[in-house]
Amino acid sequence: MSKNFLKVKNVDFRIGGKTKVKNVSFSIEKEGDIICLLGPSGIGKTTILRTIAGLEKINKGIIELNGKILSSNKINVEPENRNVSLAFQENSLFPHYSVEKNILLGAEKNKDKKDKKLSLSEIIKLLDISKILKKYPHEISAGEAQRASLARSLITKPDLLLLDEPLSNVDQSFKEEIQVRLKKILNKLKISTIIVTHDSYEAFYLGSKCGIILNQKLKQFDDPYKVYHFPNSIEVVNFLNRGILIPAVVTGENSLENDDLGTIQGNFINNFPKGSNVKLLLQPEDLEHDDNSNLKLEVVDRKFRGTNFIYTLKTLNNIFIPVLVNTHHHEIHQINDKFGIKRPIKLEHIVCF
């Protein structure tokens, strides 16, 4: 029996005879864990879910759930025998049934289970769908339909729940609240879950592990903190779009030099020989504002983010650097203003490529 609850090992995920993602390996360590898969549209994230659900076969690798082989080049357990529930991004409700009856279809599948820890009424309340129970799918919004489909999947109490962009149609003003409710439900039921999303903040909140899929490969699979702060490739940096790469020269065991910013100190995540030319990752929260600093950069853009501003600063060498500042800061800088950067520059960790 596998020590991991779910094991995907060396699998090529294919659809229509075409390989979408090659040689993928990842795992869910223990029952109840949530992992999130991130990547651009069309990269193969949905194909991964369809394959784990049994809707697509594999000819390479192995998929194992709770010690039982579901898919290999010789074995393919039929979808109805996997106890794996897949909630599609698009509306998958039966149009001739009310929302309530659609959900009860899932409850029927769950009627013989003795370990239910959450009732139908609790799921309806947590997903805030009580007002639409008597309506039909054509009478509700896309976001409401997604939540109804989610309720139907949850009430089956599957061994593994697969969610394809589960909150993509939910209004932005309501999305964070639903994320909290969804995480609460999954944790209470201890349902192991794989969530496909294009929203990195959603993935970082919901997932105990996150996988980044780019160019037919699983580029990084790690906890959200490490994916954000320690991306393992320039491709992941560019996909997450949470910072910029600037040229620098390694000058010591804990320092490097950039022509515009001067000396930068910190702990290297990877070691580079002294004199190496590298690309340094700078994220918006890395640099500190200081009105009294002698290092001044020009403000070329300012984005209001509620509790923060993100200023875009231009260096003498025409590099554009994002810097995050709390909105309660006493001075709001305007375009073309000079913006001071605190020296010496010290980073918690230095990520270079």
Protein backbone atom coordinates (compact mmCIF):
# COMPACT_ATOMS: atom_id res chain seq x y z
CA MET A 1 0.00 0.00 0.00
CA SER A 2 1.24 3.47 -0.86
CA LYS A 3 2.20 5.75 2.02
CA ASN A 4 0.53 8.61 0.12
CA PHE A 5 -3.26 8.85 -0.10
CA LEU A 6 -3.03 9.71 -3.82
CA LYS A 7 -0.02 8.96 -5.97
CA VAL A 8 0.44 10.12 -9.54
CA LYS A 9 3.74 8.80 -10.87
CA ASN A 10 5.34 9.41 -14.28
CA VAL A 11 1.99 9.86 -16.04
CA ASP A 12 1.52 11.29 -19.52
CA PHE A 13 -1.89 12.96 -19.60
CA ARG A 14 -3.50 12.65 -23.04
CA ILE A 15 -6.77 13.60 -24.69
CA GLY A 16 -7.83 12.89 -28.26
CA GLY A 17 -4.53 11.12 -28.91
CA LYS A 18 -2.53 14.23 -28.01
CA THR A 19 -0.25 14.45 -24.99
CA LYS A 20 -1.09 17.57 -22.97
CA VAL A 21 1.26 17.16 -19.96
CA LYS A 22 4.26 14.83 -19.89
CA ASN A 23 5.79 12.65 -17.17
CA VAL A 24 3.84 14.13 -14.25
CA SER A 25 4.46 13.02 -10.66
CA PHE A 26 2.81 14.42 -7.53
CA SER A 27 0.98 13.13 -4.48
CA ILE A 28 -1.55 13.90 -1.78
CA GLU A 29 0.22 12.84 1.39
CA LYS A 30 -2.74 12.30 3.69
CA GLU A 31 -6.50 12.10 3.45
CA GLY A 32 -8.14 15.52 3.63
CA ASP A 33 -5.29 17.48 2.04
CA ILE A 34 -6.05 19.99 -0.71
CA ILE A 35 -3.77 20.61 -3.67
CA CYS A 36 -4.19 23.25 -6.37
CA LEU A 37 -2.99 23.13 -9.96
CA LEU A 38 -2.18 26.41 -11.70
CA GLY A 39 -1.40 27.11 -15.31
CA PRO A 40 -2.54 29.04 -18.38
CA SER A 41 -5.69 28.09 -20.30
CA GLY A 42 -5.40 25.03 -22.52
CA ILE A 43 -2.29 23.69 -20.81
CA GLY A 44 -3.91 20.40 -19.75
CA LYS A 45 -5.17 21.02 -16.21
CA THR A 46 -8.69 19.78 -16.99
CA THR A 47 -7.24 16.75 -18.78
CA ILE A 48 -5.46 15.81 -15.56
CA LEU A 49 -8.76 15.93 -13.66
CA ARG A 50 -10.62 13.96 -16.34
CA THR A 51 -7.93 11.29 -16.31
CA ILE A 52 -7.90 10.91 -12.52
CA ALA A 53 -11.72 10.67 -12.66
CA GLY A 54 -11.39 7.82 -15.20
CA LEU A 55 -12.77 9.67 -18.23
CA GLU A 56 -9.44 9.40 -20.06
CA LYS A 57 -7.03 6.45 -20.09
CA ILE A 58 -3.25 6.48 -19.68
CA ASN A 59 -0.59 4.43 -21.45
CA LYS A 60 2.32 5.49 -19.24
CA GLY A 61 2.71 5.80 -15.49
CA ILE A 62 0.38 4.96 -12.63
CA ILE A 63 -2.44 6.62 -10.65
CA GLU A 64 -3.09 5.11 -7.23
CA LEU A 65 -5.72 6.13 -4.63
CA ASN A 66 -5.60 4.89 -1.05
CA GLY A 67 -3.39 1.96 -2.05
CA LYS A 68 -5.56 0.91 -5.02
CA ILE A 69 -4.39 1.28 -8.62
CA LEU A 70 -6.94 3.29 -10.62
CA SER A 71 -5.02 3.75 -13.87
CA SER A 72 -1.96 2.24 -15.52
CA ASN A 73 -1.08 0.90 -18.96
CA LYS A 74 -2.81 -2.36 -17.96
CA ILE A 75 -5.51 -1.28 -15.48
CA ASN A 76 -8.34 1.22 -15.86
CA VAL A 77 -10.99 1.26 -13.14
CA GLU A 78 -14.28 2.59 -14.55
CA PRO A 79 -15.33 6.07 -13.33
CA GLU A 80 -18.36 4.80 -11.42
CA ASN A 81 -16.13 2.46 -9.38
CA ARG A 82 -13.56 5.04 -8.28
CA ASN A 83 -15.60 7.07 -5.76
CA VAL A 84 -14.02 10.14 -7.33
CA SER A 85 -16.26 13.17 -7.93
CA LEU A 86 -15.49 15.67 -10.69
CA ALA A 87 -17.25 19.05 -10.73
CA PHE A 88 -16.79 20.70 -14.12
CA GLN A 89 -16.28 24.43 -14.64
CA GLU A 90 -19.34 24.68 -16.87
CA ASN A 91 -22.87 24.18 -15.60
CA SER A 92 -23.36 20.41 -15.17
CA LEU A 93 -26.82 20.53 -13.57
CA PHE A 94 -29.69 18.57 -15.11
CA PRO A 95 -31.92 21.26 -16.70
CA HIS A 96 -35.24 19.45 -16.06
CA TYR A 97 -34.58 19.13 -12.30
CA SER A 98 -34.75 21.88 -9.68
CA VAL A 99 -31.53 22.85 -7.90
CA GLU A 100 -32.71 20.93 -4.84
CA LYS A 101 -33.37 17.74 -6.81
CA ASN A 102 -30.00 18.09 -8.56
CA ILE A 103 -28.29 18.18 -5.16
CA LEU A 104 -30.40 15.31 -3.83
CA LEU A 105 -29.02 13.13 -6.63
CA GLY A 106 -25.72 13.38 -4.81
CA ALA A 107 -27.39 12.73 -1.46
CA GLU A 108 -28.89 9.50 -2.87
CA LYS A 109 -25.42 8.27 -3.72
CA ASN A 110 -24.34 9.08 -0.16
CA LYS A 111 -27.29 7.48 1.69
CA ASP A 112 -25.47 4.30 2.75
CA LYS A 113 -22.40 6.04 4.16
CA LYS A 114 -22.13 5.92 7.93
CA ASP A 115 -19.37 8.49 8.37
CA LYS A 116 -21.15 11.61 7.16
CA LYS A 117 -19.93 14.62 9.13
CA LEU A 118 -21.86 17.37 7.39
CA SER A 119 -25.57 17.38 6.59
CA LEU A 120 -27.23 18.54 3.40
CA SER A 121 -28.68 21.53 5.24
CA GLU A 122 -25.21 22.54 6.49
CA ILE A 123 -23.74 22.39 2.99
CA ILE A 124 -26.65 24.45 1.61
CA LYS A 125 -26.11 27.02 4.34
CA LEU A 126 -22.34 27.19 3.94
CA LEU A 127 -22.61 27.66 0.18
CA ASP A 128 -25.47 30.17 0.57
CA ILE A 129 -27.83 28.50 -1.91
CA SER A 130 -31.02 28.15 0.16
CA LYS A 131 -32.83 30.80 -1.89
CA ILE A 132 -32.36 28.96 -5.19
CA LEU A 133 -33.33 25.41 -4.19
CA LYS A 134 -36.74 25.55 -5.89
CA LYS A 135 -35.42 27.20 -9.04
CA TYR A 136 -34.30 25.49 -12.23
CA PRO A 137 -30.80 25.82 -13.72
CA HIS A 138 -31.93 28.30 -16.40
CA GLU A 139 -33.30 30.58 -13.66
CA ILE A 140 -30.06 31.03 -11.72
CA SER A 141 -26.72 32.73 -12.36
CA ALA A 142 -23.56 30.94 -13.47
CA GLY A 143 -22.03 31.47 -10.03
CA GLU A 144 -25.09 29.98 -8.31
CA ALA A 145 -25.01 27.00 -10.67
CA GLN A 146 -21.36 26.41 -9.79
CA ARG A 147 -22.16 26.41 -6.08
CA ALA A 148 -25.10 24.05 -6.61
CA SER A 149 -22.86 21.65 -8.57
CA LEU A 150 -20.30 21.89 -5.79
CA ALA A 151 -22.97 21.05 -3.20
CA ARG A 152 -23.97 17.97 -5.20
CA SER A 153 -20.34 16.82 -5.38
CA LEU A 154 -19.72 17.40 -1.67
CA ILE A 155 -22.79 15.54 -0.48
CA THR A 156 -21.56 12.33 -2.19
CA LYS A 157 -18.62 12.30 0.27
CA PRO A 158 -16.15 11.08 -2.37
CA ASP A 159 -12.72 9.69 -1.52
CA LEU A 160 -11.32 12.31 -3.89
CA LEU A 161 -12.97 15.52 -5.09
CA LEU A 162 -11.84 17.16 -8.33
CA LEU A 163 -12.86 20.78 -8.88
CA ASP A 164 -12.32 22.52 -12.22
CA GLU A 165 -12.27 26.31 -11.69
CA PRO A 166 -14.97 25.97 -9.01
CA LEU A 167 -15.32 29.69 -8.30
CA SER A 168 -14.61 31.20 -11.72
CA ASN A 169 -18.20 32.44 -12.12
CA VAL A 170 -18.66 33.66 -8.56
CA ASP A 171 -18.85 37.45 -8.16
CA GLN A 172 -15.53 38.90 -7.02
CA SER A 173 -17.18 40.57 -4.00
CA PHE A 174 -18.40 37.16 -2.80
CA LYS A 175 -15.48 34.99 -3.91
CA GLU A 176 -13.26 35.34 -0.83
CA GLU A 177 -16.16 34.49 1.47
CA ILE A 178 -16.96 31.39 -0.58
CA GLN A 179 -13.28 30.38 -0.52
CA VAL A 180 -13.38 30.49 3.28
CA ARG A 181 -16.60 28.46 3.37
CA LEU A 182 -15.29 25.92 0.87
CA LYS A 183 -12.09 25.38 2.85
CA LYS A 184 -14.13 24.98 6.03
CA ILE A 185 -16.34 22.32 4.40
CA LEU A 186 -13.42 20.37 2.92
CA ASN A 187 -11.52 20.42 6.21
CA LYS A 188 -14.55 19.33 8.20
CA LEU A 189 -15.37 16.46 5.84
CA LYS A 190 -11.67 15.62 5.36
CA ILE A 191 -12.24 15.26 1.64
CA SER A 192 -9.00 15.05 -0.32
CA THR A 193 -9.32 17.57 -3.14
CA ILE A 194 -7.56 18.67 -6.32
CA ILE A 195 -8.56 22.15 -7.46
CA VAL A 196 -7.73 23.56 -10.87
CA THR A 197 -7.63 27.35 -10.91
CA HIS A 198 -6.06 30.23 -12.81
CA ASP A 199 -6.14 32.43 -9.67
CA SER A 200 -2.84 32.15 -7.77
CA TYR A 201 -4.24 33.88 -4.67
CA GLU A 202 -7.06 31.33 -4.57
CA ALA A 203 -4.56 28.50 -4.94
CA PHE A 204 -2.28 29.90 -2.23
CA TYR A 205 -5.21 30.16 0.20
CA LEU A 206 -6.91 26.83 -0.48
CA GLY A 207 -4.00 24.53 -1.23
CA SER A 208 -1.58 22.84 1.15
CA LYS A 209 0.46 22.23 -2.01
CA CYS A 210 0.44 24.00 -5.38
CA GLY A 211 1.54 22.72 -8.75
CA ILE A 212 2.54 25.00 -11.63
CA ILE A 213 1.97 23.52 -15.10
CA LEU A 214 3.77 25.18 -18.02
CA ASN A 215 4.88 23.99 -21.45
CA GLN A 216 3.57 20.42 -21.00
CA LYS A 217 5.38 19.95 -17.68
CA LEU A 218 4.69 20.18 -13.97
CA LYS A 219 7.35 22.82 -13.33
CA GLN A 220 7.04 23.13 -9.56
CA PHE A 221 5.07 21.32 -6.86
CA ASP A 222 5.50 22.72 -3.37
CA ASP A 223 3.76 24.49 -0.53
CA PRO A 224 2.34 27.92 -1.52
CA TYR A 225 4.93 29.92 0.45
CA LYS A 226 7.80 28.30 -1.41
CA VAL A 227 6.09 28.57 -4.80
CA TYR A 228 5.65 32.31 -4.25
CA HIS A 229 8.94 33.18 -2.53
CA PHE A 230 11.21 30.50 -4.02
CA PRO A 231 10.08 29.94 -7.62
CA ASN A 232 12.38 27.36 -9.18
CA SER A 233 12.58 28.77 -12.71
CA ILE A 234 12.23 31.94 -14.74
CA GLU A 235 9.15 30.38 -16.35
CA VAL A 236 7.40 30.16 -12.95
CA VAL A 237 8.42 33.75 -12.13
CA ASN A 238 6.95 35.01 -15.39
CA PHE A 239 3.74 33.00 -14.96
CA LEU A 240 3.09 34.21 -11.41
CA ASN A 241 3.90 37.80 -12.47
CA ARG A 242 4.63 38.85 -8.90
CA GLY A 243 7.95 40.58 -9.47
CA ILE A 244 10.69 41.36 -11.95
CA LEU A 245 14.15 40.04 -12.76
CA ILE A 246 17.02 42.51 -12.74
CA PRO A 247 20.68 41.97 -13.71
CA ALA A 248 23.20 41.71 -10.89
CA VAL A 249 26.70 40.44 -10.10
CA VAL A 250 27.44 38.20 -7.13
CA THR A 251 29.99 39.98 -4.95
CA GLY A 252 30.17 37.74 -1.89
CA GLU A 253 28.64 34.91 0.08
CA ASN A 254 25.67 37.11 1.07
CA SER A 255 25.75 40.02 -1.36
CA LEU A 256 25.37 41.09 -4.94
CA GLU A 257 25.52 44.37 -6.86
CA ASN A 258 23.13 46.05 -9.27
CA ASP A 259 24.11 49.14 -11.26
CA ASP A 260 20.95 51.05 -10.25
CA LEU A 261 20.35 49.86 -6.70
CA GLY A 262 23.88 49.29 -5.49
CA THR A 263 24.68 46.60 -2.92
CA ILE A 264 21.96 44.11 -2.00
CA GLN A 265 22.45 41.79 0.97
CA GLY A 266 20.67 38.62 2.04
CA ASN A 267 20.75 34.84 2.09
CA PHE A 268 21.04 33.12 -1.27
CA ILE A 269 18.56 30.32 -1.89
CA ASN A 270 21.04 28.80 -4.36
CA ASN A 271 24.79 29.29 -4.28
CA PHE A 272 26.56 31.14 -7.07
CA PRO A 273 30.35 31.69 -7.42
CA LYS A 274 31.63 35.20 -6.78
CA GLY A 275 31.59 37.19 -10.02
CA SER A 276 28.57 35.34 -11.48
CA ASN A 277 26.19 37.36 -13.62
CA VAL A 278 22.67 36.55 -12.45
CA LYS A 279 19.08 37.65 -12.72
CA LEU A 280 17.75 38.69 -9.30
CA LEU A 281 14.05 38.32 -8.48
CA LEU A 282 12.62 41.47 -6.88
CA GLN A 283 9.05 41.26 -5.58
CA PRO A 284 6.94 44.32 -4.66
CA GLU A 285 7.40 43.83 -0.90
CA ASP A 286 11.21 43.44 -1.12
CA LEU A 287 12.19 47.13 -1.20
CA GLU A 288 11.33 49.64 1.54
CA HIS A 289 10.33 53.26 1.03
CA ASP A 290 12.48 55.92 2.71
CA ASP A 291 11.96 59.63 2.01
CA ASN A 292 15.42 60.42 3.43
CA SER A 293 17.34 57.97 1.29
CA ASN A 294 19.91 59.16 -1.25
CA LEU A 295 18.69 56.49 -3.66
CA LYS A 296 15.83 58.14 -5.57
CA LEU A 297 13.87 56.60 -8.42
CA GLU A 298 11.20 58.12 -10.64
CA VAL A 299 7.54 57.19 -10.14
CA VAL A 300 6.01 56.20 -13.50
CA ASP A 301 2.84 54.45 -12.29
CA ARG A 302 0.77 53.97 -9.14
CA LYS A 303 -1.86 51.28 -8.55
CA PHE A 304 -4.29 51.54 -5.65
CA ARG A 305 -4.91 48.15 -4.00
CA GLY A 306 -7.05 49.17 -1.02
CA THR A 307 -4.64 48.70 1.87
CA ASN A 308 -1.61 49.25 -0.37
CA PHE A 309 -0.24 51.17 -3.30
CA ILE A 310 2.05 49.48 -5.78
CA TYR A 311 4.39 52.07 -7.25
CA THR A 312 6.28 51.38 -10.45
CA LEU A 313 9.68 53.04 -10.33
CA LYS A 314 12.03 53.67 -13.27
CA THR A 315 15.78 53.37 -12.79
CA LEU A 316 18.48 55.22 -14.74
CA ASN A 317 18.89 52.10 -16.89
CA ASN A 318 15.15 52.05 -17.69
CA ILE A 319 14.33 49.08 -15.47
CA PHE A 320 10.80 49.22 -14.02
CA ILE A 321 10.60 48.05 -10.41
CA PRO A 322 7.37 47.49 -8.43
CA VAL A 323 7.37 48.59 -4.77
CA LEU A 324 4.53 48.04 -2.30
CA VAL A 325 3.70 50.79 0.22
CA ASN A 326 0.95 50.85 2.86
CA THR A 327 -1.77 53.38 1.96
CA HIS A 328 -1.49 54.93 5.46
CA HIS A 329 1.97 56.19 4.58
CA HIS A 330 1.94 59.96 5.19
CA GLU A 331 2.90 60.99 1.67
CA ILE A 332 1.24 59.77 -1.52
CA HIS A 333 3.68 60.09 -4.40
CA GLN A 334 2.51 61.36 -7.77
CA ILE A 335 3.69 60.38 -11.25
CA ASN A 336 7.16 61.86 -11.98
CA ASP A 337 7.91 62.29 -8.25
CA LYS A 338 11.18 61.02 -6.82
CA PHE A 339 10.74 58.02 -4.54
CA GLY A 340 13.37 57.06 -1.97
CA ILE A 341 14.53 53.45 -1.45
CA LYS A 342 15.88 52.51 1.98
CA ARG A 343 19.57 51.62 2.15
CA PRO A 344 21.29 49.29 2.75
CA ILE A 345 18.97 47.00 0.80
CA LYS A 346 18.49 43.76 2.70
CA LEU A 347 16.33 40.91 1.43
CA GLU A 348 14.97 38.03 3.51
CA HIS A 349 16.12 35.68 0.78
CA ILE A 350 17.90 36.17 -2.53
CA VAL A 351 16.44 34.25 -5.46
CA CYS A 352 18.59 34.29 -8.58
CA PHE A 353 18.75 32.54 -11.92
